[in-house]
């Protein structure tokens, strides 16, 4: 983050996490789930051509391979271009519907979807809401 000049782009929550060598277990878990949000942001920047159904976690090794060559501020700027507004809005709609389906299953006690589906869908929904609004990353609320 420092080498790329991106520290100032961290959200307050992320900056706190990065500045402390020790975190409580829940904070560690929450930050690991944010990788799912990062995965869909890579998709929005055309670094992933497709997304799996949200019934499994993202490929962290693949994410590292995508990001490693971009470890300079100029590299990052030259490598990314976003999907069209239409495609982004379609993904926002899909992520909302998937998240809603997972919450609806939970509320009704149906349990037709695997438990991981809801967590992955929530993180994708979070990222897409951030991408399509002016709301700060840490303030996004994923209502369904």
C-alpha atoms as a PDB file:
ATOM      1  CA  UNK A   1       0.000   0.000   0.000  1.00  0.00           C
ATOM      2  CA  UNK A   2       2.815   2.388   0.854  1.00  0.00           C
ATOM      3  CA  UNK A   3       4.855   1.570  -2.269  1.00  0.00           C
ATOM      4  CA  UNK A   4       1.834   2.321  -4.459  1.00  0.00           C
ATOM      5  CA  UNK A   5       0.893   5.485  -2.567  1.00  0.00           C
ATOM      6  CA  UNK A   6      -2.488   4.022  -1.659  1.00  0.00           C
ATOM      7  CA  UNK A   7      -2.447   4.325   2.147  1.00  0.00           C
ATOM      8  CA  UNK A   8      -4.553   7.491   1.989  1.00  0.00           C
ATOM      9  CA  UNK A   9      -7.190   5.542   0.020  1.00  0.00           C
ATOM     10  CA  UNK A  10      -7.803   3.075   2.850  1.00  0.00           C
ATOM     11  CA  UNK A  11     -11.074   3.430   4.724  1.00  0.00           C
ATOM     12  CA  UNK A  12     -10.735   4.332   8.430  1.00  0.00           C
ATOM     13  CA  UNK A  13     -11.536   0.722   9.371  1.00  0.00           C
ATOM     14  CA  UNK A  14      -8.903  -0.621   6.968  1.00  0.00           C
ATOM     15  CA  UNK A  15      -6.317   1.928   8.124  1.00  0.00           C
ATOM     16  CA  UNK A  16      -6.851   0.897  11.756  1.00  0.00           C
ATOM     17  CA  UNK A  17      -6.463  -2.739  10.755  1.00  0.00           C
ATOM     18  CA  UNK A  18      -3.262  -2.104   8.788  1.00  0.00           C
ATOM     19  CA  UNK A  19      -1.676   0.027  11.518  1.00  0.00           C
ATOM     20  CA  UNK A  20      -2.027  -2.511  14.324  1.00  0.00           C
ATOM     21  CA  UNK A  21      -0.074  -5.788  14.399  1.00  0.00           C
ATOM     22  CA  UNK A  22      -2.659  -7.395  16.699  1.00  0.00           C
ATOM     23  CA  UNK A  23      -6.400  -7.623  16.108  1.00  0.00           C
ATOM     24  CA  UNK A  24      -9.217  -9.396  17.872  1.00  0.00           C
ATOM     25  CA  UNK A  25     -10.555 -12.512  16.197  1.00  0.00           C
ATOM     26  CA  UNK A  26     -13.784 -10.882  14.954  1.00  0.00           C
ATOM     27  CA  UNK A  27     -11.884  -8.030  13.277  1.00  0.00           C
ATOM     28  CA  UNK A  28      -9.657 -10.589  11.536  1.00  0.00           C
ATOM     29  CA  UNK A  29     -12.711 -12.476  10.291  1.00  0.00           C
ATOM     30  CA  UNK A  30     -14.437  -9.285   9.099  1.00  0.00           C
ATOM     31  CA  UNK A  31     -11.379  -8.163   7.143  1.00  0.00           C
ATOM     32  CA  UNK A  32     -11.003 -11.581   5.517  1.00  0.00           C
ATOM     33  CA  UNK A  33     -14.626 -11.409   4.369  1.00  0.00           C
ATOM     34  CA  UNK A  34     -13.824  -8.057   2.717  1.00  0.00           C
ATOM     35  CA  UNK A  35     -11.703 -10.028   0.231  1.00  0.00           C
ATOM     36  CA  UNK A  36     -15.021 -11.083  -1.289  1.00  0.00           C
ATOM     37  CA  UNK A  37     -15.882  -7.417  -1.851  1.00  0.00           C
ATOM     38  CA  UNK A  38     -12.447  -6.883  -3.393  1.00  0.00           C
ATOM     39  CA  UNK A  39     -13.045  -9.821  -5.720  1.00  0.00           C
ATOM     40  CA  UNK A  40     -16.105  -8.193  -7.265  1.00  0.00           C
ATOM     41  CA  UNK A  41     -14.213  -4.896  -7.549  1.00  0.00           C
ATOM     42  CA  UNK A  42     -11.596  -6.757  -9.599  1.00  0.00           C
ATOM     43  CA  UNK A  43     -14.444  -7.945 -11.801  1.00  0.00           C
ATOM     44  CA  UNK A  44     -15.718  -4.366 -12.186  1.00  0.00           C
ATOM     45  CA  UNK A  45     -12.222  -3.344 -13.334  1.00  0.00           C
ATOM     46  CA  UNK A  46     -12.206  -6.121 -15.951  1.00  0.00           C
ATOM     47  CA  UNK A  47      -9.487  -8.137 -14.236  1.00  0.00           C
ATOM     48  CA  UNK A  48     -11.877 -11.119 -13.920  1.00  0.00           C
ATOM     49  CA  UNK A  49     -13.939 -12.146 -16.912  1.00  0.00           C
ATOM     50  CA  UNK A  50     -16.647 -13.935 -14.948  1.00  0.00           C
ATOM     51  CA  UNK A  51     -17.783 -14.518 -11.377  1.00  0.00           C
ATOM     52  CA  UNK A  52     -18.671 -17.848  -9.858  1.00  0.00           C
ATOM     53  CA  UNK A  53     -22.025 -18.293  -8.200  1.00  0.00           C
ATOM     54  CA  UNK A  54     -21.554 -17.014  -4.615  1.00  0.00           C
ATOM     55  CA  UNK A  55     -21.452 -20.481  -3.070  1.00  0.00           C
ATOM     56  CA  UNK A  56     -17.686 -20.533  -2.556  1.00  0.00           C
ATOM     57  CA  UNK A  57     -15.042 -18.069  -1.460  1.00  0.00           C
ATOM     58  CA  UNK A  58     -12.849 -16.128  -3.862  1.00  0.00           C
ATOM     59  CA  UNK A  59      -9.474 -17.369  -5.060  1.00  0.00           C
ATOM     60  CA  UNK A  60      -7.036 -15.376  -2.910  1.00  0.00           C
ATOM     61  CA  UNK A  61      -3.985 -16.764  -4.709  1.00  0.00           C
ATOM     62  CA  UNK A  62      -5.410 -15.650  -8.040  1.00  0.00           C
ATOM     63  CA  UNK A  63      -6.178 -12.224  -6.561  1.00  0.00           C
ATOM     64  CA  UNK A  64      -2.549 -11.880  -5.459  1.00  0.00           C
ATOM     65  CA  UNK A  65      -1.330 -12.894  -8.944  1.00  0.00           C
ATOM     66  CA  UNK A  66      -3.559 -10.223 -10.503  1.00  0.00           C
ATOM     67  CA  UNK A  67      -2.464  -7.484  -8.123  1.00  0.00           C
ATOM     68  CA  UNK A  68       1.258  -8.285  -7.820  1.00  0.00           C
ATOM     69  CA  UNK A  69       2.322  -6.852 -11.201  1.00  0.00           C
ATOM     70  CA  UNK A  70       0.494  -3.638 -10.360  1.00  0.00           C
ATOM     71  CA  UNK A  71       2.614  -2.707  -7.355  1.00  0.00           C
ATOM     72  CA  UNK A  72       3.303   0.792  -8.565  1.00  0.00           C
ATOM     73  CA  UNK A  73       0.929   3.714  -8.751  1.00  0.00           C
ATOM     74  CA  UNK A  74       1.495   4.088 -12.502  1.00  0.00           C
ATOM     75  CA  UNK A  75       0.942   0.378 -13.014  1.00  0.00           C
ATOM     76  CA  UNK A  76      -2.425   0.519 -11.307  1.00  0.00           C
ATOM     77  CA  UNK A  77      -3.595   3.477 -13.358  1.00  0.00           C
ATOM     78  CA  UNK A  78      -2.528   1.935 -16.660  1.00  0.00           C
ATOM     79  CA  UNK A  79      -3.983  -1.537 -16.094  1.00  0.00           C
ATOM     80  CA  UNK A  80      -7.621  -0.955 -15.203  1.00  0.00           C
ATOM     81  CA  UNK A  81     -10.681   0.117 -17.090  1.00  0.00           C
ATOM     82  CA  UNK A  82     -14.182  -0.368 -15.827  1.00  0.00           C
ATOM     83  CA  UNK A  83     -17.123  -2.279 -17.191  1.00  0.00           C
ATOM     84  CA  UNK A  84     -19.908  -0.170 -18.674  1.00  0.00           C
ATOM     85  CA  UNK A  85     -22.437   1.531 -16.398  1.00  0.00           C
ATOM     86  CA  UNK A  86     -25.073  -0.837 -17.699  1.00  0.00           C
ATOM     87  CA  UNK A  87     -23.014  -3.920 -16.814  1.00  0.00           C
ATOM     88  CA  UNK A  88     -22.173  -2.503 -13.363  1.00  0.00           C
ATOM     89  CA  UNK A  89     -25.860  -1.778 -12.651  1.00  0.00           C
ATOM     90  CA  UNK A  90     -26.824  -5.272 -13.811  1.00  0.00           C
ATOM     91  CA  UNK A  91     -24.305  -6.725 -11.342  1.00  0.00           C
ATOM     92  CA  UNK A  92     -25.641  -4.447  -8.583  1.00  0.00           C
ATOM     93  CA  UNK A  93     -29.131  -5.782  -9.283  1.00  0.00           C
ATOM     94  CA  UNK A  94     -27.915  -9.394  -9.288  1.00  0.00           C
ATOM     95  CA  UNK A  95     -25.946  -8.943  -6.059  1.00  0.00           C
ATOM     96  CA  UNK A  96     -28.983  -7.359  -4.342  1.00  0.00           C
ATOM     97  CA  UNK A  97     -31.230 -10.215  -5.479  1.00  0.00           C
ATOM     98  CA  UNK A  98     -28.740 -12.876  -4.347  1.00  0.00           C
ATOM     99  CA  UNK A  99     -28.315 -11.185  -0.976  1.00  0.00           C
ATOM    100  CA  UNK A 100     -32.077 -10.841  -0.593  1.00  0.00           C
ATOM    101  CA  UNK A 101     -32.577 -14.542  -1.428  1.00  0.00           C
ATOM    102  CA  UNK A 102     -30.052 -15.550   1.230  1.00  0.00           C
ATOM    103  CA  UNK A 103     -31.665 -13.327   3.876  1.00  0.00           C
ATOM    104  CA  UNK A 104     -35.137 -14.511   2.916  1.00  0.00           C
ATOM    105  CA  UNK A 105     -34.022 -18.137   3.282  1.00  0.00           C
ATOM    106  CA  UNK A 106     -32.580 -17.336   6.706  1.00  0.00           C
ATOM    107  CA  UNK A 107     -35.666 -15.440   7.941  1.00  0.00           C
ATOM    108  CA  UNK A 108     -38.045 -18.161   6.758  1.00  0.00           C
ATOM    109  CA  UNK A 109     -35.786 -20.928   8.080  1.00  0.00           C
ATOM    110  CA  UNK A 110     -35.717 -22.637   4.686  1.00  0.00           C
ATOM    111  CA  UNK A 111     -31.942 -23.081   4.505  1.00  0.00           C
ATOM    112  CA  UNK A 112     -32.078 -23.913   0.806  1.00  0.00           C
ATOM    113  CA  UNK A 113     -28.844 -22.050   0.102  1.00  0.00           C
ATOM    114  CA  UNK A 114     -25.451 -22.971   1.527  1.00  0.00           C
ATOM    115  CA  UNK A 115     -24.489 -20.735   4.499  1.00  0.00           C
ATOM    116  CA  UNK A 116     -21.498 -19.296   2.654  1.00  0.00           C
ATOM    117  CA  UNK A 117     -23.808 -17.999  -0.109  1.00  0.00           C
ATOM    118  CA  UNK A 118     -25.224 -15.289   2.162  1.00  0.00           C
ATOM    119  CA  UNK A 119     -21.820 -14.045   3.324  1.00  0.00           C
ATOM    120  CA  UNK A 120     -20.358 -13.907  -0.185  1.00  0.00           C
ATOM    121  CA  UNK A 121     -23.526 -12.278  -1.579  1.00  0.00           C
ATOM    122  CA  UNK A 122     -23.451  -9.670   1.213  1.00  0.00           C
ATOM    123  CA  UNK A 123     -19.838  -8.714   0.424  1.00  0.00           C
ATOM    124  CA  UNK A 124     -20.575  -8.474  -3.293  1.00  0.00           C
ATOM    125  CA  UNK A 125     -23.634  -6.348  -2.525  1.00  0.00           C
ATOM    126  CA  UNK A 126     -21.485  -4.118  -0.274  1.00  0.00           C
ATOM    127  CA  UNK A 127     -18.891  -3.539  -3.004  1.00  0.00           C
ATOM    128  CA  UNK A 128     -21.460  -2.840  -5.711  1.00  0.00           C
ATOM    129  CA  UNK A 129     -23.324  -0.346  -3.506  1.00  0.00           C
ATOM    130  CA  UNK A 130     -20.051   1.446  -2.792  1.00  0.00           C
ATOM    131  CA  UNK A 131     -19.145   1.475  -6.463  1.00  0.00           C
ATOM    132  CA  UNK A 132     -22.477   3.012  -7.472  1.00  0.00           C
ATOM    133  CA  UNK A 133     -22.861   5.587  -4.694  1.00  0.00           C
ATOM    134  CA  UNK A 134     -20.956   8.342  -2.935  1.00  0.00           C
ATOM    135  CA  UNK A 135     -21.187   6.570   0.429  1.00  0.00           C
ATOM    136  CA  UNK A 136     -17.851   5.905   2.171  1.00  0.00           C
ATOM    137  CA  UNK A 137     -16.773   2.242   2.218  1.00  0.00           C
ATOM    138  CA  UNK A 138     -17.189   1.777   5.977  1.00  0.00           C
ATOM    139  CA  UNK A 139     -20.667   3.390   5.935  1.00  0.00           C
ATOM    140  CA  UNK A 140     -22.301   1.154   3.321  1.00  0.00           C
ATOM    141  CA  UNK A 141     -25.420  -0.585   4.623  1.00  0.00           C
ATOM    142  CA  UNK A 142     -26.548  -3.681   2.770  1.00  0.00           C
ATOM    143  CA  UNK A 143     -30.291  -3.561   3.374  1.00  0.00           C
ATOM    144  CA  UNK A 144     -32.387  -5.995   1.367  1.00  0.00           C
END
